[in-house]
Amino acid sequence: MRFSRFALVATLSFFALSFLTWDPASAGFVSHAVFANPQAPVTSTPESAIVAAVKRALSGQSDLRKLTVSADGSQVTLTGRVPTLHLKMDAVKRTLKVAGVKTVASQIELPKGESDPNLAVGIGRAVDGYPYYTVFDYIDATIKNGVVTLIGFVTPDMKKSDDIEESVSKVRGVQEIRNQIVTLPTQQGDDDIRSALYYRITDDTNFENVPIDRRPPFHIVVDHGVVTMYGWVQGEVEYRELESIARFTSGWAGSWRYRASFLATAALSMGAYRFGSKDG
């Protein structure tokens, strides 16, 4: 089914959460980073023994076995090249778990992506492929030189923010992830609104051919009674019907917010590429 460029997109403020990955701009380094394990006990393990133990910890993954490992006291330096950010993060995590390792200096290189627009396609597939990404979640991103900023909202029933970040980190070409996905609060009133919206939409003949349960063309964010919709509908009739459903859903005490936008153009905005639109 092909959806027209009738978008339902709200104007929102996004709040930064803690990053699972590192932020060179704020951390004061450019391409490499030092990670510490503050809970590591102070030991006098010989450097040769630490190097051997780290190599054993990395040996379970074929790409990590190729890394060069060196030690200076309790600091281990990892050098080499791996295909994805996920593997780079995994190497650091494995190393920090080794007895005697206090800090890890990562000098691991990542391959560059062909272009940000091409990278956006892979990231979109990674997000859409997340099995718990529902019609009541909304994820978007900006990409600049391989640095991905994830934004949007997810329901609080699982660790969706972390899971989606991990999925995106496995996309080749991603250099860094800044996770600003907001996990919505647990509220029974919002859950009731979601249930009522789901029932009314799936019971409406205007949406009987819309795949609500898997890769839906539009997404609905419910936060403290405020209903916000993003995505695509087939035309004016469906657009107005969704608005009507949101306004007259039992238990809804907030406001309907939307802004028409032609995101299908995927325009470059301040050098950052947005992939959140769907047209297919």
Foldseek 3Di string as FASTA:
>chain_A
DFFDQWKWFFDDDFDFDDDPWDDCVVVVHDQKDKFFDVPADADQDDFVVLQVQLLVLQVVDPQSNPWDWGDDQQEIETEEEDFFQLVQVVSLVSSNPGHSHGMYIYHYDYDADPDQVVLLVQLVCLQLPPLPQALQWAWKWWAFRLEIEIETEDEDPDPVQVVSVSSSRPRGRRRYYRYRYYHADDDPLQVLQVVQLVVVQCPDPQCVPAPRGGSGQKHWHAHPLEIGMTGGHRDDVVVVVSQVSSVPRPSRDHYYGTDTDRCVVQDQDPRIGMNRYDTD
